[in-house]
Amino acid sequence: MNFRKTVLSVGLALVGVAAFAQTPRYADSDINFEKYFKPATETPASPDAQGFIRRWLMLDPISKPNRGNTVFIDSYIRDAFAREYYKGQFASMSDLALLPKDGQKIKKVVVDAQKPVDLSAGRPMFMAEPELIQEKVTLTWHALDSNFPNVKLFRFATGQGLTRYGVIFNVVTVINCDEDIENVRLATGSNSASMWWVNGEEAVIMSGDRRMVQDDCASERLTLHKGKNILRGAIINGPGMSDMIVRFIDEAGNPVKNFTVTTK
């Protein structure tokens, strides 16, 4: 046996393995948007079998650079979500007459843009405070149905080639009730921090660096009134995946499903 040849062959093989291992393959390499979302229709949707709400108006992610999620204490996320990026931002998500429409564009929105995240290790690397760059962007609203109970915000961004790390997602939907539904709780889960409002009133705040867990937090008892009720949320994340899961539950923790969901 030729020892030198054997060593050389093994060495070349190892080099090949190392070279292959260094070829980055990211979580969104083969993104298929249609796997996760489909356009919402004019027909009112219903919550799914477990009561989860899958129809949402979703705004393109707003760049909000963060090198980590540990900063997401209550005061930080309250300040982040209180920033008005465009005129009428909050009114449009709490007033039925001003509710955004599918495809509606908001132009010249000034955001704290960021240089592309270092993905050379196959995952986002935030080794230093991101360098902020003031930039004007156009944001678009999308009326979508999620194919999963947990709405995959990260896939919403990657499927459109948009910024997915260090961002704020804004979502809103309309809950239509044939009668008052009393003593229900809004039960939410998100990755990472989020806040939720029902008819303009704060219902849930979820701070900290957290993974999405079903019914992770629940609001105090509230009433869904006969007619249209506006449910909106804001989710913030740094270097990681983003998703959310939302439903209403009754006093016994059972899903509330006697309503429909629309985007207007």
Protein backbone atom coordinates (compact mmCIF):
# COMPACT_ATOMS: atom_id res chain seq x y z
CA MET A 1 0.00 0.00 0.00
CA ASN A 2 1.33 3.42 -0.97
CA PHE A 3 1.12 5.38 2.31
CA ARG A 4 1.91 8.71 0.68
CA LYS A 5 -0.89 8.28 -1.87
CA THR A 6 -3.35 7.29 0.83
CA VAL A 7 -2.49 10.35 2.96
CA LEU A 8 -2.75 12.60 -0.08
CA SER A 9 -6.17 11.17 -1.02
CA VAL A 10 -7.48 11.59 2.52
CA GLY A 11 -6.11 15.14 2.63
CA LEU A 12 -7.80 16.08 -0.62
CA ALA A 13 -11.04 14.55 0.58
CA LEU A 14 -10.91 16.56 3.79
CA VAL A 15 -10.19 19.75 1.85
CA GLY A 16 -13.23 19.01 -0.29
CA VAL A 17 -15.38 18.45 2.79
CA ALA A 18 -14.11 21.66 4.37
CA ALA A 19 -14.74 23.62 1.19
CA PHE A 20 -18.28 22.24 0.98
CA ALA A 21 -18.91 23.03 4.65
CA GLN A 22 -17.83 26.62 4.11
CA THR A 23 -20.37 27.12 1.32
CA PRO A 24 -23.13 29.09 3.06
CA ARG A 25 -26.65 27.72 2.93
CA TYR A 26 -29.13 29.94 4.68
CA ALA A 27 -32.54 29.19 6.11
CA ASP A 28 -34.19 31.13 3.27
CA SER A 29 -32.14 29.67 0.40
CA ASP A 30 -35.08 27.91 -1.26
CA ILE A 31 -37.95 30.07 -0.10
CA ASN A 32 -41.33 29.31 -1.62
CA PHE A 33 -43.72 32.10 -0.65
CA GLU A 34 -46.78 30.12 -1.75
CA LYS A 35 -45.91 27.42 0.77
CA TYR A 36 -46.60 29.85 3.60
CA PHE A 37 -49.15 32.37 2.30
CA LYS A 38 -51.87 32.88 -0.26
CA PRO A 39 -53.79 36.04 -1.19
CA ALA A 40 -56.86 36.74 0.94
CA THR A 41 -60.16 36.54 -0.91
CA GLU A 42 -63.32 38.64 -0.67
CA THR A 43 -65.08 35.77 1.12
CA PRO A 44 -64.88 36.19 4.93
CA ALA A 45 -62.54 33.70 6.58
CA SER A 46 -63.18 31.74 9.74
CA PRO A 47 -60.73 30.94 12.51
CA ASP A 48 -59.25 27.46 12.07
CA ALA A 49 -60.26 24.39 14.08
CA GLN A 50 -58.19 25.56 17.07
CA GLY A 51 -59.46 29.13 16.76
CA PHE A 52 -56.27 30.61 15.33
CA ILE A 53 -56.59 33.68 13.14
CA ARG A 54 -54.89 33.26 9.78
CA ARG A 55 -56.11 36.26 7.74
CA TRP A 56 -54.11 39.46 8.12
CA LEU A 57 -53.20 42.73 6.50
CA MET A 58 -49.41 42.75 6.78
CA LEU A 59 -47.11 45.71 6.19
CA ASP A 60 -43.66 45.24 4.72
CA PRO A 61 -41.17 44.96 7.61
CA ILE A 62 -39.80 48.25 8.95
CA SER A 63 -36.06 48.24 9.52
CA LYS A 64 -35.22 48.61 13.24
CA PRO A 65 -31.64 47.37 13.71
CA ASN A 66 -30.85 45.46 16.90
CA ARG A 67 -27.82 43.24 17.47
CA GLY A 68 -29.79 41.10 19.92
CA ASN A 69 -33.20 40.56 21.49
CA THR A 70 -32.26 41.06 25.15
CA VAL A 71 -32.99 44.80 24.85
CA PHE A 72 -36.71 44.16 24.43
CA ILE A 73 -37.87 45.25 27.86
CA ASP A 74 -41.29 46.88 28.22
CA SER A 75 -40.03 50.46 27.95
CA TYR A 76 -37.92 49.71 24.88
CA ILE A 77 -40.66 48.09 22.86
CA ARG A 78 -43.24 50.68 23.93
CA ASP A 79 -40.93 53.40 22.58
CA ALA A 80 -40.18 51.42 19.42
CA PHE A 81 -43.86 50.82 18.69
CA ALA A 82 -44.81 54.42 19.49
CA ARG A 83 -42.59 55.81 16.72
CA GLU A 84 -44.68 57.18 13.88
CA TYR A 85 -42.97 56.32 10.60
CA TYR A 86 -45.62 57.94 8.43
CA LYS A 87 -48.52 60.32 8.95
CA GLY A 88 -51.69 58.59 10.07
CA GLN A 89 -49.90 55.33 10.83
CA PHE A 90 -51.75 54.56 14.06
CA ALA A 91 -55.11 55.98 13.00
CA SER A 92 -55.08 53.74 9.93
CA MET A 93 -54.85 50.66 12.15
CA SER A 94 -57.52 51.65 14.65
CA ASP A 95 -60.19 53.37 12.51
CA LEU A 96 -62.27 51.26 10.11
CA ALA A 97 -62.71 54.20 7.76
CA LEU A 98 -58.92 54.52 7.42
CA LEU A 99 -57.99 50.84 7.42
CA PRO A 100 -55.23 50.05 4.90
CA LYS A 101 -56.12 48.25 1.68
CA ASP A 102 -54.41 45.36 -0.01
CA GLY A 103 -51.63 46.71 -2.22
CA GLN A 104 -51.72 50.16 -0.64
CA LYS A 105 -48.29 51.79 -0.72
CA ILE A 106 -46.81 54.25 1.74
CA LYS A 107 -44.02 56.22 0.09
CA LYS A 108 -41.01 58.10 1.44
CA VAL A 109 -40.98 56.38 4.82
CA VAL A 110 -37.78 57.29 6.67
CA VAL A 111 -36.30 54.26 8.44
CA ASP A 112 -33.07 53.39 10.21
CA ALA A 113 -31.71 51.19 7.46
CA GLN A 114 -28.80 48.86 8.02
CA LYS A 115 -26.00 47.27 6.10
CA PRO A 116 -26.61 43.67 5.02
CA VAL A 117 -26.31 41.28 7.95
CA ASP A 118 -23.19 39.07 7.96
CA LEU A 119 -24.41 35.59 7.03
CA SER A 120 -21.00 34.07 6.30
CA ALA A 121 -21.41 31.59 9.15
CA GLY A 122 -24.79 30.46 7.85
CA ARG A 123 -26.63 32.48 10.50
CA PRO A 124 -26.93 36.21 11.30
CA MET A 125 -23.87 37.62 13.04
CA PHE A 126 -24.18 40.84 15.06
CA MET A 127 -20.75 41.42 16.56
CA ALA A 128 -21.05 45.18 16.92
CA GLU A 129 -23.69 47.88 17.08
CA PRO A 130 -25.24 48.12 13.60
CA GLU A 131 -24.24 51.15 11.58
CA LEU A 132 -27.47 53.06 10.93
CA ILE A 133 -28.21 54.67 7.60
CA GLN A 134 -31.20 56.98 7.21
CA GLU A 135 -33.10 55.85 4.14
CA LYS A 136 -36.43 56.56 2.45
CA VAL A 137 -38.38 53.46 1.48
CA THR A 138 -41.78 52.49 0.13
CA LEU A 139 -43.84 50.09 2.24
CA THR A 140 -46.74 48.01 0.93
CA TRP A 141 -49.72 46.42 2.68
CA HIS A 142 -50.58 42.81 1.79
CA ALA A 143 -53.87 40.98 2.51
CA LEU A 144 -52.84 37.37 3.09
CA ASP A 145 -54.06 34.08 4.49
CA SER A 146 -51.46 32.05 6.35
CA ASN A 147 -51.21 28.38 5.46
CA PHE A 148 -50.21 27.63 9.05
CA PRO A 149 -51.68 28.54 12.47
CA ASN A 150 -48.39 30.27 13.32
CA VAL A 151 -47.99 33.12 10.85
CA LYS A 152 -44.42 32.95 9.61
CA LEU A 153 -43.34 36.58 9.47
CA PHE A 154 -39.77 35.65 8.57
CA ARG A 155 -41.06 33.86 5.47
CA PHE A 156 -43.29 36.83 4.65
CA ALA A 157 -40.10 38.92 4.45
CA THR A 158 -37.80 36.43 2.74
CA GLY A 159 -40.44 35.52 0.18
CA GLN A 160 -40.33 39.11 -1.08
CA GLY A 161 -36.59 39.62 -0.70
CA LEU A 162 -37.13 42.12 2.12
CA THR A 163 -35.14 42.84 5.26
CA ARG A 164 -35.83 40.07 7.76
CA TYR A 165 -33.42 40.72 10.66
CA GLY A 166 -33.73 43.75 12.94
CA VAL A 167 -37.27 44.66 11.92
CA ILE A 168 -40.75 45.58 13.11
CA PHE A 169 -43.76 43.82 11.59
CA ASN A 170 -47.18 45.52 11.71
CA VAL A 171 -50.33 43.43 11.24
CA VAL A 172 -54.04 44.21 11.45
CA THR A 173 -57.29 42.34 10.84
CA VAL A 174 -61.02 42.74 11.38
CA ILE A 175 -63.06 40.45 13.65
CA ASN A 176 -66.76 40.38 12.64
CA CYS A 177 -69.27 39.33 15.30
CA ASP A 178 -73.00 38.69 14.96
CA GLU A 179 -73.44 39.54 18.64
CA ASP A 180 -71.39 40.67 21.62
CA ILE A 181 -68.93 37.99 22.77
CA GLU A 182 -68.13 38.72 26.40
CA ASN A 183 -65.39 37.59 28.77
CA VAL A 184 -62.92 36.41 26.17
CA ARG A 185 -59.16 36.76 26.26
CA LEU A 186 -56.75 37.49 23.45
CA ALA A 187 -54.13 34.72 23.61
CA THR A 188 -50.88 35.38 21.76
CA GLY A 189 -47.43 34.02 21.09
CA SER A 190 -44.59 35.63 19.17
CA ASN A 191 -40.93 35.50 18.31
CA SER A 192 -39.68 37.84 19.62
CA ALA A 193 -41.39 40.71 21.53
CA SER A 194 -44.80 42.08 20.57
CA MET A 195 -47.77 44.22 21.56
CA TRP A 196 -51.44 43.72 20.69
CA TRP A 197 -54.45 46.04 20.63
CA VAL A 198 -58.19 45.39 20.35
CA ASN A 199 -60.28 48.33 19.13
CA GLY A 200 -57.42 50.69 19.89
CA GLU A 201 -56.96 49.52 23.48
CA GLU A 202 -53.78 47.75 24.57
CA ALA A 203 -54.57 44.11 25.31
CA VAL A 204 -51.24 42.25 25.58
CA ILE A 205 -47.57 43.15 25.84
CA MET A 206 -44.96 40.42 25.38
CA SER A 207 -41.48 41.63 26.21
CA GLY A 208 -38.11 39.91 26.33
CA ASP A 209 -36.25 37.54 24.06
CA ARG A 210 -38.80 34.79 23.57
CA ARG A 211 -39.67 31.98 21.24
CA MET A 212 -43.14 31.64 19.87
CA VAL A 213 -45.33 29.51 22.14
CA GLN A 214 -49.07 29.00 21.68
CA ASP A 215 -51.10 31.03 24.23
CA ASP A 216 -47.87 32.33 25.76
CA CYS A 217 -49.67 35.42 27.09
CA ALA A 218 -53.34 36.28 27.46
CA SER A 219 -55.16 39.56 27.96
CA GLU A 220 -57.56 40.45 30.70
CA ARG A 221 -61.20 39.66 29.97
CA LEU A 222 -62.60 41.77 27.16
CA THR A 223 -65.67 42.00 24.96
CA LEU A 224 -65.79 41.58 21.20
CA HIS A 225 -68.66 43.83 20.24
CA LYS A 226 -71.36 43.10 17.72
CA GLY A 227 -70.15 44.24 14.33
CA LYS A 228 -66.54 44.94 13.40
CA ASN A 229 -63.62 44.86 15.84
CA ILE A 230 -60.08 45.81 14.89
CA LEU A 231 -57.23 43.60 16.09
CA ARG A 232 -53.70 44.78 15.46
CA GLY A 233 -50.23 43.77 16.50
CA ALA A 234 -46.61 44.88 16.27
CA ILE A 235 -43.78 42.36 16.46
CA ILE A 236 -40.09 43.22 16.79
CA ASN A 237 -37.10 40.96 16.30
CA GLY A 238 -33.34 41.15 15.96
CA PRO A 239 -31.12 38.33 14.67
CA GLY A 240 -33.50 35.43 14.38
CA MET A 241 -36.70 33.96 13.04
CA SER A 242 -40.02 35.78 13.47
CA ASP A 243 -43.53 34.43 13.73
CA MET A 244 -46.77 34.89 15.65
CA ILE A 245 -49.83 32.90 16.67
CA VAL A 246 -53.08 34.53 17.79
CA ARG A 247 -56.57 33.49 18.90
CA PHE A 248 -59.32 34.33 21.37
CA ILE A 249 -60.13 31.92 24.21
CA ASP A 250 -63.04 31.69 26.62
CA GLU A 251 -63.07 31.42 30.41
CA ALA A 252 -62.20 27.71 30.23
CA GLY A 253 -59.35 28.25 27.77
CA ASN A 254 -61.32 26.89 24.83
CA PRO A 255 -61.01 28.56 21.42
CA VAL A 256 -63.59 31.17 20.45
CA LYS A 257 -64.66 30.62 16.85
CA ASN A 258 -68.10 32.22 16.38
CA PHE A 259 -66.88 35.13 14.27
CA THR A 260 -65.47 35.77 10.82
CA VAL A 261 -62.27 37.51 9.77
CA THR A 262 -61.85 40.07 7.00
CA THR A 263 -59.37 42.78 6.07
CA LYS A 264 -61.97 45.53 5.73
